Amino acid sequence: MDEVLAEVGPRLRRIRKERGATLAGLSAATGISVSTLSRLESGLRKPSLELLLPIARAHEVALDELVGTPAVRDPRVRAEPIRRHGRTYWPLTRQPGGLQAFKVLIPQEQEEPEPRTHEGYEWLYVMSGRLRMILGDHDLVLNAGEAAEFDTRVPHWFGSAGEGPVEFLSLFGPQGERMHVRARPKRA
């Protein structure tokens, strides 16, 4: 963060000079004193939104152009797998809260279904194998390439259909967040 802030002053000076503006002219356009503008450009004053927004308006540039953008971090998600009840979950998102993505592997072994409920909404996509899904009164088998979505307040349970392990992607959002992908059921 300090590196990004240290670059703001020189960037402000460069943009002002490129536009042929003086500190006095910029002061008149923004209502910010000449001394404050000078201290911002020299790095003696930390930039704030209250100062940068009027400057961006006066120069007719996006705020990002004044602040710059921090270097892009490595985009790869390297989360450790989580193992629970014989299942393996790989978190595919970094931020806590909000929409969460997981890759899930359920082994072939058979277990007695125990449907559960909780707040939220889930979308899933079967990558390989066959997924047995109990959702309310429905007992379904989803094949590779099929997707489902549901309100997690409906009792639900997932397992292998018994012919090998099943691997699927799961997107889960807290209550109120809905996915925008809709899977249509096959017509009979």
Protein backbone atom coordinates (compact mmCIF):
# COMPACT_ATOMS: atom_id res chain seq x y z
CA MET A 1 0.00 0.00 0.00
CA ASP A 2 2.84 2.40 0.85
CA GLU A 3 4.39 1.81 -2.58
CA VAL A 4 1.11 2.68 -4.31
CA LEU A 5 0.67 5.84 -2.22
CA ALA A 6 4.29 6.91 -2.85
CA GLU A 7 3.62 6.93 -6.60
CA VAL A 8 0.54 9.19 -6.37
CA GLY A 9 2.45 12.47 -5.94
CA PRO A 10 4.69 12.10 -9.01
CA ARG A 11 1.69 10.91 -11.02
CA LEU A 12 -0.34 13.98 -9.98
CA ARG A 13 2.49 16.30 -11.01
CA ARG A 14 2.96 14.50 -14.37
CA ILE A 15 -0.78 14.61 -15.22
CA ARG A 16 -1.04 18.29 -14.23
CA LYS A 17 1.96 19.23 -16.39
CA GLU A 18 0.76 17.14 -19.35
CA ARG A 19 -2.45 19.14 -19.27
CA GLY A 20 -0.59 22.44 -19.01
CA ALA A 21 -2.24 23.29 -15.69
CA THR A 22 -0.64 25.34 -12.93
CA LEU A 23 -1.05 24.71 -9.22
CA ALA A 24 -3.00 27.99 -9.00
CA GLY A 25 -5.32 26.95 -11.85
CA LEU A 26 -5.88 23.51 -10.35
CA SER A 27 -6.54 25.12 -6.97
CA ALA A 28 -9.21 27.35 -8.51
CA ALA A 29 -10.82 24.36 -10.26
CA THR A 30 -10.84 22.08 -7.21
CA GLY A 31 -11.10 24.38 -4.20
CA ILE A 32 -7.96 22.74 -2.76
CA SER A 33 -5.26 25.17 -1.60
CA VAL A 34 -2.06 25.56 -3.63
CA SER A 35 0.00 24.49 -0.61
CA THR A 36 -2.02 21.26 -0.18
CA LEU A 37 -1.69 20.46 -3.90
CA SER A 38 2.06 21.11 -3.72
CA ARG A 39 2.44 18.86 -0.66
CA LEU A 40 0.42 16.11 -2.40
CA GLU A 41 2.68 16.26 -5.47
CA SER A 42 5.86 16.24 -3.39
CA GLY A 43 4.67 13.33 -1.22
CA LEU A 44 4.58 15.40 1.99
CA ARG A 45 0.80 14.89 2.28
CA LYS A 46 -0.96 11.55 2.06
CA PRO A 47 -3.60 11.45 -0.66
CA SER A 48 -7.19 10.96 0.42
CA LEU A 49 -10.40 10.41 -1.49
CA GLU A 50 -11.57 13.91 -0.51
CA LEU A 51 -8.53 15.36 -2.30
CA LEU A 52 -8.23 12.97 -5.22
CA LEU A 53 -11.85 13.05 -6.41
CA PRO A 54 -11.90 16.80 -7.20
CA ILE A 55 -8.48 16.52 -8.88
CA ALA A 56 -9.69 13.62 -11.03
CA ARG A 57 -12.78 15.66 -12.01
CA ALA A 58 -10.69 18.72 -12.84
CA HIS A 59 -8.32 16.69 -15.06
CA GLU A 60 -11.25 14.64 -16.45
CA VAL A 61 -9.53 11.35 -15.68
CA ALA A 62 -10.55 8.20 -13.83
CA LEU A 63 -9.46 7.97 -10.21
CA ASP A 64 -7.41 4.88 -11.14
CA GLU A 65 -5.28 7.04 -13.41
CA LEU A 66 -4.29 9.21 -10.43
CA VAL A 67 -3.74 6.36 -8.00
CA GLY A 68 -2.47 3.66 -10.33
CA THR A 69 -3.25 0.04 -9.75
CA PRO A 70 -1.24 -2.25 -7.50
CA ALA A 71 0.71 -5.03 -9.16
CA VAL A 72 -1.44 -8.02 -10.01
CA ARG A 73 -0.88 -10.86 -7.59
CA ASP A 74 -0.52 -14.46 -8.66
CA PRO A 75 -4.07 -15.45 -9.68
CA ARG A 76 -3.66 -19.13 -8.90
CA VAL A 77 -5.64 -20.41 -5.93
CA ARG A 78 -3.47 -22.77 -3.90
CA ALA A 79 -5.76 -23.82 -1.13
CA GLU A 80 -5.12 -26.95 0.87
CA PRO A 81 -7.76 -29.66 0.46
CA ILE A 82 -10.21 -30.13 3.30
CA ARG A 83 -11.16 -33.71 4.21
CA ARG A 84 -14.43 -34.37 6.01
CA HIS A 85 -16.36 -37.61 6.43
CA GLY A 86 -14.33 -39.32 3.68
CA ARG A 87 -14.93 -36.49 1.19
CA THR A 88 -12.36 -34.05 -0.15
CA TYR A 89 -13.11 -30.37 -0.79
CA TRP A 90 -10.77 -27.98 -2.61
CA PRO A 91 -11.64 -24.31 -2.01
CA LEU A 92 -11.48 -22.42 -5.33
CA THR A 93 -12.11 -18.94 -3.92
CA ARG A 94 -9.97 -16.91 -1.54
CA GLN A 95 -12.35 -14.42 0.03
CA PRO A 96 -14.36 -15.44 3.07
CA GLY A 97 -18.09 -14.83 2.91
CA GLY A 98 -20.09 -14.22 -0.22
CA LEU A 99 -20.09 -16.68 -3.09
CA GLN A 100 -17.81 -19.68 -2.47
CA ALA A 101 -16.58 -22.24 -5.03
CA PHE A 102 -15.35 -25.77 -4.28
CA LYS A 103 -14.23 -28.81 -6.20
CA VAL A 104 -15.59 -31.86 -4.38
CA LEU A 105 -14.56 -35.53 -4.60
CA ILE A 106 -16.80 -38.19 -3.07
CA PRO A 107 -15.41 -41.77 -3.07
CA GLN A 108 -17.39 -44.76 -4.32
CA GLU A 109 -18.18 -46.13 -0.89
CA GLN A 110 -21.86 -46.24 -0.05
CA GLU A 111 -23.19 -44.39 2.94
CA GLU A 112 -26.66 -43.95 4.30
CA PRO A 113 -28.16 -40.63 3.11
CA GLU A 114 -28.67 -38.05 5.85
CA PRO A 115 -30.31 -35.00 4.23
CA ARG A 116 -29.50 -31.69 5.92
CA THR A 117 -30.60 -28.07 5.55
CA HIS A 118 -28.90 -24.71 6.00
CA GLU A 119 -29.23 -21.13 4.77
CA GLY A 120 -28.03 -20.44 1.25
CA TYR A 121 -28.29 -21.36 -2.39
CA GLU A 122 -26.15 -23.86 -4.29
CA TRP A 123 -25.30 -24.59 -7.90
CA LEU A 124 -23.33 -27.69 -8.86
CA TYR A 125 -21.84 -29.22 -12.00
CA VAL A 126 -20.79 -32.88 -12.26
CA MET A 127 -17.34 -33.19 -13.84
CA SER A 128 -16.88 -36.97 -13.68
CA GLY A 129 -18.68 -39.98 -12.28
CA ARG A 130 -22.32 -40.09 -11.27
CA LEU A 131 -23.72 -38.02 -8.41
CA ARG A 132 -26.64 -39.25 -6.36
CA MET A 133 -28.54 -36.24 -5.10
CA ILE A 134 -31.42 -36.35 -2.68
CA LEU A 135 -33.33 -33.08 -2.70
CA GLY A 136 -36.54 -33.02 -0.70
CA ASP A 137 -38.69 -35.89 -2.06
CA HIS A 138 -36.51 -36.34 -5.17
CA ASP A 139 -33.82 -39.02 -5.47
CA LEU A 140 -31.83 -38.12 -8.59
CA VAL A 141 -28.69 -39.29 -10.38
CA LEU A 142 -26.72 -36.63 -12.25
CA ASN A 143 -24.20 -37.68 -14.90
CA ALA A 144 -21.02 -35.90 -15.98
CA GLY A 145 -21.95 -32.65 -17.71
CA GLU A 146 -25.21 -32.15 -15.83
CA ALA A 147 -25.90 -29.26 -13.46
CA ALA A 148 -28.38 -28.57 -10.68
CA GLU A 149 -29.31 -25.62 -8.51
CA PHE A 150 -31.38 -25.44 -5.37
CA ASP A 151 -32.24 -23.58 -2.19
CA THR A 152 -30.24 -25.23 0.61
CA ARG A 153 -33.16 -24.86 3.03
CA VAL A 154 -34.62 -27.88 1.19
CA PRO A 155 -33.25 -31.08 2.80
CA HIS A 156 -30.41 -32.34 0.59
CA TRP A 157 -27.63 -34.93 0.44
CA PHE A 158 -24.95 -35.90 -2.11
CA GLY A 159 -23.12 -39.17 -2.68
CA SER A 160 -21.59 -41.38 -5.33
CA ALA A 161 -24.15 -43.31 -7.38
CA GLY A 162 -22.04 -46.36 -6.45
CA GLU A 163 -20.13 -46.97 -9.67
CA GLY A 164 -16.93 -45.16 -8.73
CA PRO A 165 -16.03 -41.79 -7.25
CA VAL A 166 -17.82 -38.61 -8.32
CA GLU A 167 -16.19 -35.22 -8.80
CA PHE A 168 -18.20 -32.00 -9.04
CA LEU A 169 -17.93 -28.23 -8.78
CA SER A 170 -20.05 -26.48 -6.19
CA LEU A 171 -20.89 -22.78 -6.01
CA PHE A 172 -22.50 -21.81 -2.74
CA GLY A 173 -23.92 -18.41 -1.83
CA PRO A 174 -25.42 -17.14 1.39
CA GLN A 175 -29.17 -16.72 1.44
CA GLY A 176 -30.30 -14.05 -0.99
CA GLU A 177 -27.44 -14.59 -3.46
CA ARG A 178 -28.74 -16.47 -6.46
CA MET A 179 -26.77 -17.96 -9.29
CA HIS A 180 -27.71 -16.79 -12.76
CA VAL A 181 -27.21 -20.13 -14.50
CA ARG A 182 -30.36 -22.14 -15.03
CA ALA A 183 -30.39 -25.81 -15.99
CA ARG A 184 -33.55 -26.97 -17.74
CA PRO A 185 -34.87 -30.43 -16.98
CA LYS A 186 -35.08 -32.91 -19.86
CA ARG A 187 -38.54 -33.17 -21.36
CA ALA A 188 -40.18 -36.53 -20.96
